[in-house]
Each structure stands twice: as C-alpha cells, then as structure tokens.
Amino acid sequence: MWGNAVRLQLHGPAYNLANFLRTLALAQEVQHWSLTSIRDRLVKIGAKLVSHARYATFQMANTKVR
C-alpha cells in the first residue's frame, strides 16, 4: 500500500512537469497531442547510436509530423 502511495506522489508531479514542458517546448501543431501519443512517436522513430573516440551521437530518421 505504501508503494502505491509513493508511486502516485511521484507520477503526479512528473505528469504535470511533462505537460508544462509540452506547452513550452513543442511546436504549435503538436501542442494539442496527448503525452501518450508524443511518447509513442518518439519511441517509434528509428535512431542509430554512432560512437566515436570522444563522443556519441544519435542519428535520427527523418519523419514528418502529421
């Protein structure tokens, strides 16, 4: 029971923070999307990790926002 209470107290502020950042950081055409659809689109975008001697970068696939 205590674990559920702690999870609820952590998820509430995390959701509010993500929602707040969504309204500030995203473009106008995607601000109305739900957090679930944003998460799904980020997960479904293919990326390749390219590591060099001193740094690592992600090469993202080109996608269009519908």
PDB file of N, CA and C in Angstrom:
ATOM      1  N   MET A   1       0.826  -1.194   0.000  1.00  0.00           N
ATOM      2  CA  MET A   1       0.000   0.000   0.000  1.00  0.00           C
ATOM      3  C   MET A   1       0.870   1.257   0.000  1.00  0.00           C
ATOM      4  N   TRP A   2       1.958   1.203   0.753  1.00  0.00           N
ATOM      5  CA  TRP A   2       2.839   2.373   0.775  1.00  0.00           C
ATOM      6  C   TRP A   2       3.494   2.592  -0.579  1.00  0.00           C
ATOM      7  N   GLY A   3       3.808   1.503  -1.264  1.00  0.00           N
ATOM      8  CA  GLY A   3       4.406   1.630  -2.596  1.00  0.00           C
ATOM      9  C   GLY A   3       3.491   2.329  -3.574  1.00  0.00           C
ATOM     10  N   ASN A   4       2.202   2.024  -3.513  1.00  0.00           N
ATOM     11  CA  ASN A   4       1.235   2.690  -4.390  1.00  0.00           C
ATOM     12  C   ASN A   4       1.131   4.174  -4.072  1.00  0.00           C
ATOM     13  N   ALA A   5       1.167   4.507  -2.810  1.00  0.00           N
ATOM     14  CA  ALA A   5       1.080   5.917  -2.407  1.00  0.00           C
ATOM     15  C   ALA A   5       2.301   6.693  -2.902  1.00  0.00           C
ATOM     16  N   VAL A   6       3.464   6.086  -2.779  1.00  0.00           N
ATOM     17  CA  VAL A   6       4.687   6.753  -3.233  1.00  0.00           C
ATOM     18  C   VAL A   6       4.674   6.916  -4.748  1.00  0.00           C
ATOM     19  N   ARG A   7       4.251   5.867  -5.462  1.00  0.00           N
ATOM     20  CA  ARG A   7       4.166   5.958  -6.923  1.00  0.00           C
ATOM     21  C   ARG A   7       3.205   7.059  -7.356  1.00  0.00           C
ATOM     22  N   LEU A   8       2.080   7.166  -6.686  1.00  0.00           N
ATOM     23  CA  LEU A   8       1.113   8.206  -7.024  1.00  0.00           C
ATOM     24  C   LEU A   8       1.702   9.592  -6.777  1.00  0.00           C
ATOM     25  N   GLN A   9       2.433   9.749  -5.695  1.00  0.00           N
ATOM     26  CA  GLN A   9       3.041  11.045  -5.398  1.00  0.00           C
ATOM     27  C   GLN A   9       4.158  11.396  -6.376  1.00  0.00           C
ATOM     28  N   LEU A  10       4.794  10.403  -6.957  1.00  0.00           N
ATOM     29  CA  LEU A  10       5.832  10.663  -7.958  1.00  0.00           C
ATOM     30  C   LEU A  10       5.241  10.911  -9.344  1.00  0.00           C
ATOM     31  N   HIS A  11       4.203  10.176  -9.690  1.00  0.00           N
ATOM     32  CA  HIS A  11       3.616  10.304 -11.029  1.00  0.00           C
ATOM     33  C   HIS A  11       2.852  11.610 -11.205  1.00  0.00           C
ATOM     34  N   GLY A  12       2.248  12.117 -10.156  1.00  0.00           N
ATOM     35  CA  GLY A  12       1.501  13.373 -10.264  1.00  0.00           C
ATOM     36  C   GLY A  12       2.382  14.535 -10.696  1.00  0.00           C
ATOM     37  N   PRO A  13       3.448  14.841  -9.960  1.00  0.00           N
ATOM     38  CA  PRO A  13       4.338  15.935 -10.394  1.00  0.00           C
ATOM     39  C   PRO A  13       5.042  15.652 -11.723  1.00  0.00           C
ATOM     40  N   ALA A  14       5.363  14.388 -12.001  1.00  0.00           N
ATOM     41  CA  ALA A  14       6.013  14.060 -13.271  1.00  0.00           C
ATOM     42  C   ALA A  14       5.076  14.363 -14.439  1.00  0.00           C
ATOM     43  N   TYR A  15       3.801  14.020 -14.304  1.00  0.00           N
ATOM     44  CA  TYR A  15       2.829  14.311 -15.357  1.00  0.00           C
ATOM     45  C   TYR A  15       2.678  15.817 -15.533  1.00  0.00           C
ATOM     46  N   ASN A  16       2.588  16.547 -14.432  1.00  0.00           N
ATOM     47  CA  ASN A  16       2.433  17.997 -14.523  1.00  0.00           C
ATOM     48  C   ASN A  16       3.655  18.644 -15.162  1.00  0.00           C
ATOM     49  N   LEU A  17       4.846  18.159 -14.842  1.00  0.00           N
ATOM     50  CA  LEU A  17       6.062  18.694 -15.436  1.00  0.00           C
ATOM     51  C   LEU A  17       6.096  18.404 -16.942  1.00  0.00           C
ATOM     52  N   ALA A  18       5.772  17.189 -17.333  1.00  0.00           N
ATOM     53  CA  ALA A  18       5.769  16.840 -18.760  1.00  0.00           C
ATOM     54  C   ALA A  18       4.731  17.659 -19.516  1.00  0.00           C
ATOM     55  N   ASN A  19       3.576  17.858 -18.940  1.00  0.00           N
ATOM     56  CA  ASN A  19       2.531  18.651 -19.580  1.00  0.00           C
ATOM     57  C   ASN A  19       2.964  20.111 -19.719  1.00  0.00           C
ATOM     58  N   PHE A  20       3.613  20.644 -18.703  1.00  0.00           N
ATOM     59  CA  PHE A  20       4.104  22.015 -18.738  1.00  0.00           C
ATOM     60  C   PHE A  20       5.182  22.175 -19.810  1.00  0.00           C
ATOM     61  N   LEU A  21       6.111  21.231 -19.875  1.00  0.00           N
ATOM     62  CA  LEU A  21       7.172  21.301 -20.885  1.00  0.00           C
ATOM     63  C   LEU A  21       6.619  21.108 -22.291  1.00  0.00           C
ATOM     64  N   ARG A  22       5.581  20.312 -22.417  1.00  0.00           N
ATOM     65  CA  ARG A  22       4.956  20.108 -23.736  1.00  0.00           C
ATOM     66  C   ARG A  22       4.426  21.427 -24.272  1.00  0.00           C
ATOM     67  N   THR A  23       3.824  22.238 -23.431  1.00  0.00           N
ATOM     68  CA  THR A  23       3.259  23.506 -23.896  1.00  0.00           C
ATOM     69  C   THR A  23       4.345  24.531 -24.205  1.00  0.00           C
ATOM     70  N   LEU A  24       5.517  24.391 -23.582  1.00  0.00           N
ATOM     71  CA  LEU A  24       6.589  25.350 -23.839  1.00  0.00           C
ATOM     72  C   LEU A  24       7.521  24.943 -24.971  1.00  0.00           C
ATOM     73  N   ALA A  25       7.844  23.661 -25.069  1.00  0.00           N
ATOM     74  CA  ALA A  25       8.926  23.233 -25.950  1.00  0.00           C
ATOM     75  C   ALA A  25       8.473  22.780 -27.330  1.00  0.00           C
ATOM     76  N   LEU A  26       7.246  22.349 -27.483  1.00  0.00           N
ATOM     77  CA  LEU A  26       6.827  21.782 -28.761  1.00  0.00           C
ATOM     78  C   LEU A  26       6.231  22.839 -29.681  1.00  0.00           C
ATOM     79  N   ALA A  27       6.240  22.508 -30.954  1.00  0.00           N
ATOM     80  CA  ALA A  27       5.671  23.411 -31.955  1.00  0.00           C
ATOM     81  C   ALA A  27       4.155  23.494 -31.786  1.00  0.00           C
ATOM     82  N   GLN A  28       3.568  24.530 -32.347  1.00  0.00           N
ATOM     83  CA  GLN A  28       2.133  24.782 -32.197  1.00  0.00           C
ATOM     84  C   GLN A  28       1.279  23.631 -32.713  1.00  0.00           C
ATOM     85  N   GLU A  29       1.706  22.987 -33.816  1.00  0.00           N
ATOM     86  CA  GLU A  29       0.861  21.948 -34.407  1.00  0.00           C
ATOM     87  C   GLU A  29       0.830  20.663 -33.596  1.00  0.00           C
ATOM     88  N   VAL A  30       1.744  20.472 -32.648  1.00  0.00           N
ATOM     89  CA  VAL A  30       1.732  19.247 -31.849  1.00  0.00           C
ATOM     90  C   VAL A  30       1.449  19.497 -30.372  1.00  0.00           C
ATOM     91  N   GLN A  31       1.160  20.717 -29.991  1.00  0.00           N
ATOM     92  CA  GLN A  31       0.879  21.015 -28.588  1.00  0.00           C
ATOM     93  C   GLN A  31      -0.417  20.391 -28.101  1.00  0.00           C
ATOM     94  N   HIS A  32      -1.344  20.087 -28.982  1.00  0.00           N
ATOM     95  CA  HIS A  32      -2.618  19.504 -28.572  1.00  0.00           C
ATOM     96  C   HIS A  32      -2.547  17.989 -28.439  1.00  0.00           C
ATOM     97  N   TRP A  33      -1.427  17.373 -28.811  1.00  0.00           N
ATOM     98  CA  TRP A  33      -1.285  15.926 -28.704  1.00  0.00           C
ATOM     99  C   TRP A  33      -1.262  15.501 -27.248  1.00  0.00           C
ATOM    100  N   SER A  34      -1.699  14.296 -26.983  1.00  0.00           N
ATOM    101  CA  SER A  34      -1.604  13.769 -25.621  1.00  0.00           C
ATOM    102  C   SER A  34      -0.166  13.333 -25.350  1.00  0.00           C
ATOM    103  N   LEU A  35       0.178  13.207 -24.083  1.00  0.00           N
ATOM    104  CA  LEU A  35       1.528  12.772 -23.732  1.00  0.00           C
ATOM    105  C   LEU A  35       1.796  11.350 -24.220  1.00  0.00           C
ATOM    106  N   THR A  36       0.763  10.536 -24.276  1.00  0.00           N
ATOM    107  CA  THR A  36       0.928   9.164 -24.758  1.00  0.00           C
ATOM    108  C   THR A  36       1.295   9.149 -26.234  1.00  0.00           C
ATOM    109  N   SER A  37       0.641   9.967 -27.038  1.00  0.00           N
ATOM    110  CA  SER A  37       0.956   9.976 -28.465  1.00  0.00           C
ATOM    111  C   SER A  37       2.346  10.551 -28.709  1.00  0.00           C
ATOM    112  N   ILE A  38       2.766  11.518 -27.927  1.00  0.00           N
ATOM    113  CA  ILE A  38       4.119  12.060 -28.065  1.00  0.00           C
ATOM    114  C   ILE A  38       5.139  10.982 -27.719  1.00  0.00           C
ATOM    115  N   ARG A  39       4.911  10.254 -26.631  1.00  0.00           N
ATOM    116  CA  ARG A  39       5.819   9.191 -26.223  1.00  0.00           C
ATOM    117  C   ARG A  39       5.890   8.106 -27.293  1.00  0.00           C
ATOM    118  N   ASP A  40       4.736   7.712 -27.829  1.00  0.00           N
ATOM    119  CA  ASP A  40       4.715   6.670 -28.854  1.00  0.00           C
ATOM    120  C   ASP A  40       5.466   7.091 -30.102  1.00  0.00           C
ATOM    121  N   ARG A  41       5.311   8.315 -30.517  1.00  0.00           N
ATOM    122  CA  ARG A  41       6.010   8.774 -31.719  1.00  0.00           C
ATOM    123  C   ARG A  41       7.509   8.858 -31.487  1.00  0.00           C
ATOM    124  N   LEU A  42       7.922   9.239 -30.294  1.00  0.00           N
ATOM    125  CA  LEU A  42       9.351   9.282 -30.009  1.00  0.00           C
ATOM    126  C   LEU A  42       9.950   7.881 -29.961  1.00  0.00           C
ATOM    127  N   VAL A  43       9.214   6.930 -29.443  1.00  0.00           N
ATOM    128  CA  VAL A  43       9.714   5.567 -29.348  1.00  0.00           C
ATOM    129  C   VAL A  43       9.777   4.923 -30.727  1.00  0.00           C
ATOM    130  N   LYS A  44       8.809   5.223 -31.593  1.00  0.00           N
ATOM    131  CA  LYS A  44       8.742   4.582 -32.897  1.00  0.00           C
ATOM    132  C   LYS A  44       9.704   5.168 -33.922  1.00  0.00           C
ATOM    133  N   ILE A  45      10.317   6.292 -33.622  1.00  0.00           N
ATOM    134  CA  ILE A  45      11.289   6.878 -34.534  1.00  0.00           C
ATOM    135  C   ILE A  45      12.587   6.088 -34.415  1.00  0.00           C
ATOM    136  N   GLY A  46      13.079   5.644 -35.549  1.00  0.00           N
ATOM    137  CA  GLY A  46      14.322   4.879 -35.536  1.00  0.00           C
ATOM    138  C   GLY A  46      15.517   5.791 -35.328  1.00  0.00           C
ATOM    139  N   ALA A  47      16.424   5.361 -34.491  1.00  0.00           N
ATOM    140  CA  ALA A  47      17.639   6.121 -34.256  1.00  0.00           C
ATOM    141  C   ALA A  47      18.816   5.155 -34.203  1.00  0.00           C
ATOM    142  N   LYS A  48      19.956   5.657 -34.630  1.00  0.00           N
ATOM    143  CA  LYS A  48      21.165   4.851 -34.603  1.00  0.00           C
ATOM    144  C   LYS A  48      22.194   5.589 -33.749  1.00  0.00           C
ATOM    145  N   LEU A  49      22.803   4.877 -32.825  1.00  0.00           N
ATOM    146  CA  LEU A  49      23.839   5.456 -31.984  1.00  0.00           C
ATOM    147  C   LEU A  49      25.172   5.281 -32.681  1.00  0.00           C
ATOM    148  N   VAL A  50      25.834   6.405 -32.951  1.00  0.00           N
ATOM    149  CA  VAL A  50      27.140   6.382 -33.588  1.00  0.00           C
ATOM    150  C   VAL A  50      28.144   6.891 -32.575  1.00  0.00           C
ATOM    151  N   SER A  51      29.083   6.031 -32.223  1.00  0.00           N
ATOM    152  CA  SER A  51      30.077   6.448 -31.221  1.00  0.00           C
ATOM    153  C   SER A  51      31.437   6.608 -31.884  1.00  0.00           C
ATOM    154  N   HIS A  52      32.101   7.677 -31.503  1.00  0.00           N
ATOM    155  CA  HIS A  52      33.453   7.965 -31.965  1.00  0.00           C
ATOM    156  C   HIS A  52      34.371   7.922 -30.753  1.00  0.00           C
ATOM    157  N   ALA A  53      35.577   8.337 -30.919  1.00  0.00           N
ATOM    158  CA  ALA A  53      36.550   8.250 -29.832  1.00  0.00           C
ATOM    159  C   ALA A  53      36.140   9.095 -28.622  1.00  0.00           C
ATOM    160  N   ARG A  54      35.603  10.291 -28.863  1.00  0.00           N
ATOM    161  CA  ARG A  54      35.323  11.191 -27.750  1.00  0.00           C
ATOM    162  C   ARG A  54      33.847  11.518 -27.537  1.00  0.00           C
ATOM    163  N   TYR A  55      32.998  11.100 -28.435  1.00  0.00           N
ATOM    164  CA  TYR A  55      31.585  11.453 -28.286  1.00  0.00           C
ATOM    165  C   TYR A  55      30.701  10.405 -28.925  1.00  0.00           C
ATOM    166  N   ALA A  56      29.435  10.451 -28.577  1.00  0.00           N
ATOM    167  CA  ALA A  56      28.427   9.572 -29.170  1.00  0.00           C
ATOM    168  C   ALA A  56      27.254  10.441 -29.606  1.00  0.00           C
ATOM    169  N   THR A  57      26.712  10.152 -30.777  1.00  0.00           N
ATOM    170  CA  THR A  57      25.573  10.915 -31.280  1.00  0.00           C
ATOM    171  C   THR A  57      24.475   9.970 -31.734  1.00  0.00           C
ATOM    172  N   PHE A  58      23.252  10.466 -31.717  1.00  0.00           N
ATOM    173  CA  PHE A  58      22.116   9.739 -32.251  1.00  0.00           C
ATOM    174  C   PHE A  58      21.825  10.271 -33.643  1.00  0.00           C
ATOM    175  N   GLN A  59      21.703   9.382 -34.607  1.00  0.00           N
ATOM    176  CA  GLN A  59      21.271   9.764 -35.943  1.00  0.00           C
ATOM    177  C   GLN A  59      19.802   9.381 -36.050  1.00  0.00           C
ATOM    178  N   MET A  60      18.949  10.380 -36.119  1.00  0.00           N
ATOM    179  CA  MET A  60      17.510  10.163 -36.143  1.00  0.00           C
ATOM    180  C   MET A  60      17.022  10.029 -37.581  1.00  0.00           C
ATOM    181  N   ALA A  61      16.017   9.199 -37.778  1.00  0.00           N
ATOM    182  CA  ALA A  61      15.390   9.062 -39.084  1.00  0.00           C
ATOM    183  C   ALA A  61      14.539  10.290 -39.355  1.00  0.00           C
ATOM    184  N   ASN A  62      14.435  10.691 -40.606  1.00  0.00           N
ATOM    185  CA  ASN A  62      13.591  11.831 -40.973  1.00  0.00           C
ATOM    186  C   ASN A  62      12.138  11.411 -40.929  1.00  0.00           C
ATOM    187  N   THR A  63      11.319  12.190 -40.243  1.00  0.00           N
ATOM    188  CA  THR A  63       9.887  11.940 -40.201  1.00  0.00           C
ATOM    189  C   THR A  63       9.144  13.259 -40.346  1.00  0.00           C
ATOM    190  N   LYS A  64       7.961  13.181 -40.885  1.00  0.00           N
ATOM    191  CA  LYS A  64       7.101  14.363 -40.977  1.00  0.00           C
ATOM    192  C   LYS A  64       6.030  14.269 -39.910  1.00  0.00           C
ATOM    193  N   VAL A  65       5.726  15.406 -39.301  1.00  0.00           N
ATOM    194  CA  VAL A  65       4.660  15.450 -38.305  1.00  0.00           C
ATOM    195  C   VAL A  65       3.340  15.594 -39.039  1.00  0.00           C
ATOM    196  N   ARG A  66       2.420  14.678 -38.773  1.00  0.00           N
ATOM    197  CA  ARG A  66       1.118  14.752 -39.444  1.00  0.00           C
ATOM    198  C   ARG A  66       0.159  15.533 -38.624  1.00  0.00           C
TER     199      ARG A  66
END
